[in-house]
Each structure stands twice: as C-alpha cells, then as structure tokens.
C-alpha atoms as a PDB file:
ATOM      1  CA  UNK A   1       8.979   5.698  15.356  1.00  0.00           C
ATOM      2  CA  UNK A   2       9.724   9.237  14.250  1.00  0.00           C
ATOM      3  CA  UNK A   3       7.404   8.929  11.248  1.00  0.00           C
ATOM      4  CA  UNK A   4       4.642   7.420  13.373  1.00  0.00           C
ATOM      5  CA  UNK A   5       4.965  10.182  15.967  1.00  0.00           C
ATOM      6  CA  UNK A   6       4.958  12.846  13.261  1.00  0.00           C
ATOM      7  CA  UNK A   7       1.922  11.400  11.506  1.00  0.00           C
ATOM      8  CA  UNK A   8      -0.152  11.011  14.665  1.00  0.00           C
ATOM      9  CA  UNK A   9       1.039  13.444  17.290  1.00  0.00           C
ATOM     10  CA  UNK A  10       3.121  16.038  15.475  1.00  0.00           C
ATOM     11  CA  UNK A  11       0.783  16.836  12.610  1.00  0.00           C
ATOM     12  CA  UNK A  12      -2.602  15.205  13.358  1.00  0.00           C
ATOM     13  CA  UNK A  13      -2.578  13.951   9.757  1.00  0.00           C
ATOM     14  CA  UNK A  14      -4.043  10.690  11.021  1.00  0.00           C
ATOM     15  CA  UNK A  15      -7.358  12.501  11.621  1.00  0.00           C
ATOM     16  CA  UNK A  16      -7.760  13.124   7.876  1.00  0.00           C
ATOM     17  CA  UNK A  17      -6.176   9.905   6.592  1.00  0.00           C
ATOM     18  CA  UNK A  18      -9.364   8.571   4.992  1.00  0.00           C
ATOM     19  CA  UNK A  19      -9.880  11.683   2.893  1.00  0.00           C
ATOM     20  CA  UNK A  20      -6.208  11.922   1.871  1.00  0.00           C
ATOM     21  CA  UNK A  21      -5.185   8.243   1.542  1.00  0.00           C
ATOM     22  CA  UNK A  22      -5.734   7.987  -2.199  1.00  0.00           C
ATOM     23  CA  UNK A  23      -3.297  10.756  -2.973  1.00  0.00           C
ATOM     24  CA  UNK A  24      -0.448   9.825  -5.226  1.00  0.00           C
ATOM     25  CA  UNK A  25       2.386  12.267  -4.635  1.00  0.00           C
ATOM     26  CA  UNK A  26       3.949  13.898  -1.630  1.00  0.00           C
ATOM     27  CA  UNK A  27       4.960  12.917   1.840  1.00  0.00           C
ATOM     28  CA  UNK A  28       1.778  13.316   3.840  1.00  0.00           C
ATOM     29  CA  UNK A  29      -1.118  11.826   1.890  1.00  0.00           C
ATOM     30  CA  UNK A  30      -0.638   8.498   3.691  1.00  0.00           C
ATOM     31  CA  UNK A  31       1.085   7.140   6.770  1.00  0.00           C
ATOM     32  CA  UNK A  32       4.173   6.127   4.749  1.00  0.00           C
ATOM     33  CA  UNK A  33       4.832   3.452   7.404  1.00  0.00           C
ATOM     34  CA  UNK A  34       5.013   0.535   4.965  1.00  0.00           C
ATOM     35  CA  UNK A  35       8.825   0.374   4.637  1.00  0.00           C
ATOM     36  CA  UNK A  36       9.312   0.182   8.414  1.00  0.00           C
ATOM     37  CA  UNK A  37       6.503  -2.337   8.815  1.00  0.00           C
ATOM     38  CA  UNK A  38       7.835  -4.504   5.979  1.00  0.00           C
ATOM     39  CA  UNK A  39      11.385  -4.499   7.350  1.00  0.00           C
ATOM     40  CA  UNK A  40      10.205  -5.311  10.861  1.00  0.00           C
ATOM     41  CA  UNK A  41      11.531  -2.034  12.269  1.00  0.00           C
ATOM     42  CA  UNK A  42       8.030  -1.024  13.311  1.00  0.00           C
ATOM     43  CA  UNK A  43       5.491  -3.415  14.758  1.00  0.00           C
ATOM     44  CA  UNK A  44       1.854  -3.382  13.619  1.00  0.00           C
ATOM     45  CA  UNK A  45       1.015  -3.708  17.313  1.00  0.00           C
ATOM     46  CA  UNK A  46       2.864  -0.479  18.033  1.00  0.00           C
ATOM     47  CA  UNK A  47       0.927   1.302  15.286  1.00  0.00           C
ATOM     48  CA  UNK A  48      -2.344  -0.183  16.530  1.00  0.00           C
ATOM     49  CA  UNK A  49      -1.707   0.860  20.148  1.00  0.00           C
ATOM     50  CA  UNK A  50      -0.594   4.354  19.137  1.00  0.00           C
ATOM     51  CA  UNK A  51      -3.758   4.792  17.063  1.00  0.00           C
ATOM     52  CA  UNK A  52      -5.832   3.568  20.025  1.00  0.00           C
ATOM     53  CA  UNK A  53      -4.084   6.090  22.287  1.00  0.00           C
ATOM     54  CA  UNK A  54      -4.635   8.839  19.700  1.00  0.00           C
ATOM     55  CA  UNK A  55      -8.334   7.963  19.565  1.00  0.00           C
ATOM     56  CA  UNK A  56      -8.594   8.144  23.366  1.00  0.00           C
ATOM     57  CA  UNK A  57      -6.730  11.439  23.656  1.00  0.00           C
ATOM     58  CA  UNK A  58      -7.681  13.341  20.505  1.00  0.00           C
ATOM     59  CA  UNK A  59     -10.295  11.869  18.172  1.00  0.00           C
ATOM     60  CA  UNK A  60     -11.670   8.590  16.893  1.00  0.00           C
ATOM     61  CA  UNK A  61     -13.113   8.771  13.401  1.00  0.00           C
ATOM     62  CA  UNK A  62     -13.300   7.035  10.037  1.00  0.00           C
ATOM     63  CA  UNK A  63      -9.639   7.853   9.398  1.00  0.00           C
ATOM     64  CA  UNK A  64      -8.318   6.245  12.571  1.00  0.00           C
ATOM     65  CA  UNK A  65     -10.577   3.228  11.981  1.00  0.00           C
ATOM     66  CA  UNK A  66      -9.295   2.872   8.428  1.00  0.00           C
ATOM     67  CA  UNK A  67      -5.646   2.723   9.500  1.00  0.00           C
ATOM     68  CA  UNK A  68      -6.505  -0.123  11.867  1.00  0.00           C
ATOM     69  CA  UNK A  69      -8.493  -1.865   9.126  1.00  0.00           C
ATOM     70  CA  UNK A  70      -5.552  -1.628   6.732  1.00  0.00           C
ATOM     71  CA  UNK A  71      -3.273  -3.183   9.352  1.00  0.00           C
ATOM     72  CA  UNK A  72      -5.701  -6.117   9.420  1.00  0.00           C
ATOM     73  CA  UNK A  73      -5.596  -6.343   5.632  1.00  0.00           C
ATOM     74  CA  UNK A  74      -1.802  -6.339   5.807  1.00  0.00           C
ATOM     75  CA  UNK A  75      -1.874  -9.317   8.174  1.00  0.00           C
ATOM     76  CA  UNK A  76      -4.408 -11.113   5.986  1.00  0.00           C
ATOM     77  CA  UNK A  77      -2.049 -10.924   3.026  1.00  0.00           C
ATOM     78  CA  UNK A  78       0.957 -11.985   5.071  1.00  0.00           C
ATOM     79  CA  UNK A  79      -0.940 -15.152   6.042  1.00  0.00           C
ATOM     80  CA  UNK A  80      -2.234 -15.524   2.482  1.00  0.00           C
ATOM     81  CA  UNK A  81       1.360 -15.468   1.255  1.00  0.00           C
ATOM     82  CA  UNK A  82       2.385 -18.020   3.869  1.00  0.00           C
ATOM     83  CA  UNK A  83      -0.446 -20.320   2.810  1.00  0.00           C
ATOM     84  CA  UNK A  84       0.155 -20.062  -0.930  1.00  0.00           C
ATOM     85  CA  UNK A  85       3.952 -19.704  -0.808  1.00  0.00           C
ATOM     86  CA  UNK A  86       5.703 -19.004  -4.103  1.00  0.00           C
ATOM     87  CA  UNK A  87       2.491 -19.617  -6.074  1.00  0.00           C
ATOM     88  CA  UNK A  88       1.547 -15.990  -5.431  1.00  0.00           C
ATOM     89  CA  UNK A  89       4.387 -15.047  -7.797  1.00  0.00           C
ATOM     90  CA  UNK A  90       3.414 -17.417 -10.601  1.00  0.00           C
ATOM     91  CA  UNK A  91       2.002 -15.794 -13.711  1.00  0.00           C
ATOM     92  CA  UNK A  92      -1.448 -17.262 -13.010  1.00  0.00           C
ATOM     93  CA  UNK A  93      -1.283 -16.708  -9.257  1.00  0.00           C
ATOM     94  CA  UNK A  94      -2.321 -19.338  -6.711  1.00  0.00           C
ATOM     95  CA  UNK A  95      -5.352 -20.261  -8.822  1.00  0.00           C
ATOM     96  CA  UNK A  96      -3.195 -21.022 -11.874  1.00  0.00           C
ATOM     97  CA  UNK A  97      -5.199 -18.732 -14.183  1.00  0.00           C
ATOM     98  CA  UNK A  98      -4.067 -18.599 -17.782  1.00  0.00           C
ATOM     99  CA  UNK A  99      -3.749 -14.921 -18.636  1.00  0.00           C
ATOM    100  CA  UNK A 100      -2.274 -13.357 -21.789  1.00  0.00           C
ATOM    101  CA  UNK A 101       1.264 -12.109 -21.157  1.00  0.00           C
ATOM    102  CA  UNK A 102       3.691 -10.120 -23.257  1.00  0.00           C
ATOM    103  CA  UNK A 103       7.444 -10.455 -22.967  1.00  0.00           C
ATOM    104  CA  UNK A 104       8.177  -7.631 -25.403  1.00  0.00           C
ATOM    105  CA  UNK A 105      11.349  -5.990 -23.997  1.00  0.00           C
ATOM    106  CA  UNK A 106      10.396  -2.569 -25.403  1.00  0.00           C
ATOM    107  CA  UNK A 107       7.104  -2.614 -23.465  1.00  0.00           C
ATOM    108  CA  UNK A 108       8.937  -3.568 -20.285  1.00  0.00           C
ATOM    109  CA  UNK A 109      11.450  -0.742 -20.756  1.00  0.00           C
ATOM    110  CA  UNK A 110       8.706   1.820 -21.376  1.00  0.00           C
ATOM    111  CA  UNK A 111       6.864   0.586 -18.274  1.00  0.00           C
ATOM    112  CA  UNK A 112       9.998   0.772 -16.101  1.00  0.00           C
ATOM    113  CA  UNK A 113      10.875   4.240 -17.437  1.00  0.00           C
ATOM    114  CA  UNK A 114       7.372   5.604 -16.845  1.00  0.00           C
ATOM    115  CA  UNK A 115       6.840   6.320 -20.523  1.00  0.00           C
ATOM    116  CA  UNK A 116       3.935   4.067 -21.522  1.00  0.00           C
ATOM    117  CA  UNK A 117       1.689   6.965 -22.495  1.00  0.00           C
ATOM    118  CA  UNK A 118      -0.778   5.970 -19.761  1.00  0.00           C
ATOM    119  CA  UNK A 119      -0.691   8.849 -17.246  1.00  0.00           C
ATOM    120  CA  UNK A 120      -1.561   6.791 -14.141  1.00  0.00           C
ATOM    121  CA  UNK A 121       1.020   4.122 -14.921  1.00  0.00           C
ATOM    122  CA  UNK A 122       3.699   6.641 -15.840  1.00  0.00           C
ATOM    123  CA  UNK A 123       3.144   8.830 -12.768  1.00  0.00           C
ATOM    124  CA  UNK A 124       3.407   5.843 -10.454  1.00  0.00           C
ATOM    125  CA  UNK A 125       6.523   4.478 -12.091  1.00  0.00           C
ATOM    126  CA  UNK A 126       8.199   7.893 -11.929  1.00  0.00           C
ATOM    127  CA  UNK A 127       7.269   8.175  -8.250  1.00  0.00           C
ATOM    128  CA  UNK A 128       8.815   4.755  -7.663  1.00  0.00           C
ATOM    129  CA  UNK A 129      12.014   5.823  -9.430  1.00  0.00           C
ATOM    130  CA  UNK A 130      12.293   9.093  -7.524  1.00  0.00           C
ATOM    131  CA  UNK A 131      11.221   8.047  -4.040  1.00  0.00           C
ATOM    132  CA  UNK A 132      11.553   4.270  -3.894  1.00  0.00           C
ATOM    133  CA  UNK A 133       7.844   3.974  -3.011  1.00  0.00           C
ATOM    134  CA  UNK A 134       4.409   4.251  -4.553  1.00  0.00           C
ATOM    135  CA  UNK A 135       1.041   5.087  -3.086  1.00  0.00           C
ATOM    136  CA  UNK A 136      -1.328   2.306  -2.106  1.00  0.00           C
ATOM    137  CA  UNK A 137      -3.806   3.782  -4.559  1.00  0.00           C
ATOM    138  CA  UNK A 138      -1.229   3.541  -7.310  1.00  0.00           C
ATOM    139  CA  UNK A 139      -0.395  -0.047  -6.460  1.00  0.00           C
ATOM    140  CA  UNK A 140      -4.063  -1.030  -6.527  1.00  0.00           C
ATOM    141  CA  UNK A 141      -4.858   1.017  -9.599  1.00  0.00           C
ATOM    142  CA  UNK A 142      -2.069  -0.606 -11.562  1.00  0.00           C
ATOM    143  CA  UNK A 143      -2.824  -4.110 -10.387  1.00  0.00           C
ATOM    144  CA  UNK A 144       0.802  -4.353  -9.308  1.00  0.00           C
ATOM    145  CA  UNK A 145       1.836  -6.974  -6.804  1.00  0.00           C
ATOM    146  CA  UNK A 146       0.469 -10.440  -6.229  1.00  0.00           C
ATOM    147  CA  UNK A 147      -2.106  -9.308  -3.719  1.00  0.00           C
ATOM    148  CA  UNK A 148      -3.367  -6.058  -5.209  1.00  0.00           C
ATOM    149  CA  UNK A 149      -6.407  -7.480  -7.013  1.00  0.00           C
ATOM    150  CA  UNK A 150      -7.343  -9.532  -3.948  1.00  0.00           C
ATOM    151  CA  UNK A 151      -6.802  -6.496  -1.716  1.00  0.00           C
ATOM    152  CA  UNK A 152      -9.073  -4.363  -3.894  1.00  0.00           C
ATOM    153  CA  UNK A 153     -11.808  -7.008  -3.838  1.00  0.00           C
ATOM    154  CA  UNK A 154     -11.482  -7.466  -0.082  1.00  0.00           C
ATOM    155  CA  UNK A 155     -11.724  -3.743   0.574  1.00  0.00           C
ATOM    156  CA  UNK A 156     -14.767  -3.446  -1.676  1.00  0.00           C
ATOM    157  CA  UNK A 157     -16.566  -6.332   0.083  1.00  0.00           C
END
C-alpha cells in the first residue's frame, strides 16, 4: 500500500503515467505495483478504487484511464492463462506454432548477462539483474513472456 499511496497521493505521478509509462529505468516511470499484484499482496480492486478516488479528488485524465485499462488487460491474461493452462509455456504457445529456436548455450549466456550487443535487450536484462524487475515497455519490446505478443496486439487494437 505504501507504493500505491506514494504513486497516487504522495507524488501525483499517476497524473503523468501515460507520458512516462514507456520509460525503462528508474523508480517512478511506472506504478511499479506488479510485484505486489502478482503476489496477491495488493488487490487490483484496491488499485482501481484508489484511482477512482484520485480521479474524483484530483484529476481524471488519460493517465488515470490507462492504469485502469492495464488492470483490465492484466485480468484478461490471467483468464487467458487459466483457459490455456501450461500450453502458454510451450515453444509454439497455445496455437502450437512451429517457430525456429536456438539452444546454443553461448547465446543464452550472452542474453542472460545482458551482453548480446543489442542495446534494448542488454539494457533490459541488466535492469532485471540489478532490480529484479523490468519495465512493461521492455517486456513488450523484447517479446518476453507468453503473453507479451498478445498484450501488444490487444493494446494496439
């Protein structure tokens, strides 16, 4: 709750979320609520109601809307994962696509170390190593995670 209070009430960062959300480094470019939401320590309902209260008392804008929209996307993918179960982790995903895949251990080590030579990939992997988290933009940009491609397509629709 401390992070939520800071982000909304203590700093008003929520009012500029939309403009800042694609940042990649630092503590305040996004809500940074994902770890607490994922672990069940913070309810999406609590976030939703706090954003609604913020909108009533301070401002309602594209940024506050976008946080609510991303909570909906989060729920969509939770249900998507429930529907498709472990198939979301298969190499071809739930659709069973046949994609080229490399199991070269040197490539995997360079990727994990953040030394692929691709600046976006390397920056995100180093952020993950140093902070234990990566930006949503970085996750989408790298196509990391079973839902990232679907998330990107959904958000573009």
